[in-house]
Every structure is written in structure tokens, then in C-alpha cells.
Amino acid sequence: MIGIDISYESDEMMARAPQDTVEAVLMKVLELVGKDSCELSCSFVSESAMRDLNASYRDKDESTDILSFVQSDDNDGFEFPTDTDSPELLGDIIISLDDMEKNCEFFSVAPSQELSRLLVHGVLHLVGWDHATNDMDEHMLIKQEELLKIVEKESIA
């Protein structure tokens, strides 16, 4: 079972990132990365809200298109009992629709394609991919674009 919680900072954002599209893309990407029992949240926020989050969590006083927060496995050495029937808690994806739309203009891509790209990128972070170095960035970008092609081919977005 896959649980996806989608939220919007304002109602007008729902038209820019339709819930059914977001859910379909996330479900497909999770399937492609082998996650069939998990939970995640995806929130859509304004540029100003994203700037605040980026400043709080990354010490960067600027907005960004996406932030991903992996559910931490670090419990200060304390072992919690595990319930094998419970879905894996992956974490949270936060997308700035304002920054997404700037990306669309800059890269000359449709909003639906950029939305899918950001959702793929966010899921990859939640399942362990990173781009802290140039080499890692290249590998993650290749994987991201492979998954995006599958999503687009299946006309999910």
C-alpha cells in the first residue's frame, strides 16, 4: 500500500499542480524505484514560503524549486520496535510552484513536464539518491531523466 498526502499552500495552486496528476506521477515513480509499501507527503508552496524553508533548513536565503526531507533513521541509538506491516515512511517533498514556472521559462518546457521532473527528483532523494558531488549529480540526473521518459511515455503527466 502506498500513502500519499498532497497539500497546497493555497487553493489556486491546485490548478497549477492537479492532485490527480501529482498522485499518478508519484505512484508510477515509486513503482519504478521498487517502493510498494510506503508513505510520503508532497506540499506545494509559494516562492516566499520556500525561501523561508530554505533559510531555516539549508541556511540559504533564497528560494529553490524543490526541497526533500528524508525520514530520518537516526534515533540517537535508540531502537524502536519495527512493525513489518507498516509502510516505510519516506519523507516529504516540497515544491515551489513559482520557481517551477521560472524553470519552465528558462528551460522552455511545459509546466506538466517540469512538474513531473521535480516529482521524480524528489522521490529519488527520498529513496537515497543525492547530488552532493559532480559525479553524484551526473548519475542522479541520468536516473531522473530515465524515469521521466517512462512517466512521459505512459502519458501520466
Protein backbone atom coordinates (compact mmCIF):
# COMPACT_ATOMS: atom_id res chain seq x y z
CA MET A 1 0.00 0.00 0.00
CA ILE A 2 1.23 3.46 -0.90
CA GLY A 3 0.05 6.52 1.01
CA ILE A 4 0.50 9.96 -0.49
CA ASP A 5 -0.56 13.13 1.30
CA ILE A 6 -0.75 16.14 -1.04
CA SER A 7 -1.22 19.66 0.29
CA TYR A 8 -1.32 23.15 -1.16
CA GLU A 9 -0.50 26.49 0.43
CA SER A 10 -3.49 27.98 -1.42
CA ASP A 11 -6.44 26.65 -3.41
CA GLU A 12 -5.29 28.35 -6.63
CA MET A 13 -2.20 26.14 -6.63
CA MET A 14 -4.34 23.06 -7.24
CA ALA A 15 -4.93 24.14 -10.86
CA ARG A 16 -1.18 24.54 -11.39
CA ALA A 17 -0.37 21.09 -9.96
CA PRO A 18 -3.54 18.97 -10.19
CA GLN A 19 -3.81 16.44 -7.39
CA ASP A 20 -4.68 13.54 -9.71
CA THR A 21 -1.63 14.24 -11.89
CA VAL A 22 0.69 14.59 -8.89
CA GLU A 23 -0.58 11.36 -7.38
CA ALA A 24 -0.32 9.43 -10.68
CA VAL A 25 3.26 10.57 -11.29
CA LEU A 26 4.33 9.79 -7.72
CA MET A 27 2.68 6.35 -7.83
CA LYS A 28 4.45 5.49 -11.09
CA VAL A 29 7.85 6.70 -9.90
CA LEU A 30 7.51 4.80 -6.63
CA GLU A 31 6.64 1.68 -8.62
CA LEU A 32 9.69 2.21 -10.85
CA VAL A 33 12.04 2.51 -7.85
CA GLY A 34 10.56 -0.58 -6.20
CA LYS A 35 8.57 1.02 -3.39
CA ASP A 36 5.21 -0.71 -2.96
CA SER A 37 4.57 -0.09 0.72
CA CYS A 38 5.45 3.45 1.71
CA GLU A 39 4.15 6.85 2.68
CA LEU A 40 5.24 10.33 1.69
CA SER A 41 3.91 13.84 1.63
CA CYS A 42 4.10 16.38 -1.17
CA SER A 43 3.42 20.05 -0.50
CA PHE A 44 3.15 22.93 -2.93
CA VAL A 45 4.17 26.34 -1.65
CA SER A 46 4.88 29.89 -2.81
CA GLU A 47 8.31 31.30 -3.52
CA SER A 48 8.29 33.22 -0.23
CA ALA A 49 7.39 30.13 1.80
CA MET A 50 10.12 28.15 0.04
CA ARG A 51 12.63 30.90 0.75
CA ASP A 52 11.78 30.67 4.45
CA LEU A 53 12.17 26.88 4.42
CA ASN A 54 15.45 27.05 2.53
CA ALA A 55 16.78 29.62 5.01
CA SER A 56 15.68 27.55 8.00
CA TYR A 57 16.94 24.17 6.85
CA ARG A 58 19.82 24.95 4.48
CA ASP A 59 20.99 28.40 5.59
CA LYS A 60 20.35 29.74 2.09
CA ASP A 61 18.42 33.00 1.94
CA GLU A 62 16.89 32.26 -1.45
CA SER A 63 14.08 30.24 -2.86
CA THR A 64 14.56 26.95 -4.69
CA ASP A 65 12.33 24.78 -6.81
CA ILE A 66 12.31 21.72 -4.56
CA LEU A 67 13.31 20.52 -1.13
CA SER A 68 13.19 16.90 0.01
CA PHE A 69 13.30 15.81 3.61
CA VAL A 70 14.10 12.15 4.12
CA GLN A 71 12.50 10.47 7.12
CA SER A 72 15.46 10.10 9.46
CA ASP A 73 16.69 6.68 10.51
CA ASP A 74 18.89 8.31 13.13
CA ASN A 75 17.21 7.90 16.51
CA ASP A 76 20.25 8.67 18.65
CA GLY A 77 20.98 4.98 19.02
CA PHE A 78 17.54 4.10 20.36
CA GLU A 79 15.95 1.14 18.61
CA PHE A 80 12.23 1.46 18.10
CA PRO A 81 10.24 -1.74 17.59
CA THR A 82 9.54 -2.30 13.93
CA ASP A 83 6.17 -3.27 12.59
CA THR A 84 6.71 -5.17 9.36
CA ASP A 85 3.11 -4.48 8.35
CA SER A 86 3.62 -0.72 8.49
CA PRO A 87 4.56 1.14 5.32
CA GLU A 88 8.01 2.70 5.09
CA LEU A 89 7.92 6.42 5.87
CA LEU A 90 9.94 8.01 3.07
CA GLY A 91 9.65 11.70 3.91
CA ASP A 92 8.45 14.99 2.47
CA ILE A 93 8.73 16.69 -0.91
CA ILE A 94 8.13 20.45 -1.04
CA ILE A 95 7.82 22.22 -4.40
CA SER A 96 7.68 25.94 -5.09
CA LEU A 97 5.28 26.35 -7.99
CA ASP A 98 6.61 29.88 -8.59
CA ASP A 99 10.14 28.52 -9.03
CA MET A 100 8.83 25.62 -11.10
CA GLU A 101 7.26 28.11 -13.51
CA LYS A 102 10.55 30.04 -13.73
CA ASN A 103 12.24 26.76 -14.68
CA CYS A 104 9.65 26.27 -17.43
CA GLU A 105 10.52 29.62 -18.95
CA PHE A 106 14.28 29.16 -18.55
CA PHE A 107 14.36 25.61 -19.99
CA SER A 108 11.46 26.13 -22.46
CA VAL A 109 9.48 23.17 -21.14
CA ALA A 110 5.80 22.69 -20.42
CA PRO A 111 4.64 23.01 -16.81
CA SER A 112 3.46 19.39 -16.79
CA GLN A 113 6.93 18.19 -17.81
CA GLU A 114 8.70 20.30 -15.20
CA LEU A 115 6.23 19.21 -12.53
CA SER A 116 6.95 15.57 -13.38
CA ARG A 117 10.70 16.23 -13.38
CA LEU A 118 10.55 17.77 -9.91
CA LEU A 119 8.41 14.93 -8.56
CA VAL A 120 10.87 12.36 -9.94
CA HIS A 121 13.76 14.33 -8.44
CA GLY A 122 12.07 14.47 -5.05
CA VAL A 123 11.33 10.75 -4.96
CA LEU A 124 14.92 9.95 -5.90
CA HIS A 125 16.11 11.94 -2.90
CA LEU A 126 13.66 10.16 -0.62
CA VAL A 127 14.93 6.75 -1.71
CA GLY A 128 18.60 7.62 -1.21
CA TRP A 129 19.90 9.38 -4.31
CA ASP A 130 21.95 12.52 -3.80
CA HIS A 131 23.92 15.04 -5.82
CA ALA A 132 26.41 16.39 -3.32
CA THR A 133 29.29 15.96 -5.79
CA ASN A 134 29.51 16.46 -9.56
CA ASP A 135 29.81 12.71 -10.12
CA MET A 136 26.75 12.00 -7.98
CA ASP A 137 24.90 14.86 -9.70
CA GLU A 138 25.53 13.31 -13.12
CA HIS A 139 24.34 9.85 -12.04
CA MET A 140 21.22 11.25 -10.38
CA LEU A 141 20.43 13.41 -13.41
CA ILE A 142 20.71 10.39 -15.72
CA LYS A 143 18.41 8.34 -13.49
CA GLN A 144 15.97 11.24 -13.18
CA GLU A 145 15.71 11.66 -16.95
CA GLU A 146 15.33 7.88 -17.48
CA LEU A 147 12.38 7.79 -15.09
CA LEU A 148 10.92 10.98 -16.56
CA LYS A 149 10.92 9.42 -20.05
CA ILE A 150 8.94 6.44 -18.74
CA VAL A 151 6.44 8.70 -16.99
CA GLU A 152 6.01 10.80 -20.14
CA LYS A 153 5.81 7.74 -22.42
CA GLU A 154 2.96 6.38 -20.36
CA SER A 155 1.25 9.78 -20.62
CA ILE A 156 0.84 10.06 -16.87
CA ALA A 157 1.65 13.75 -16.72
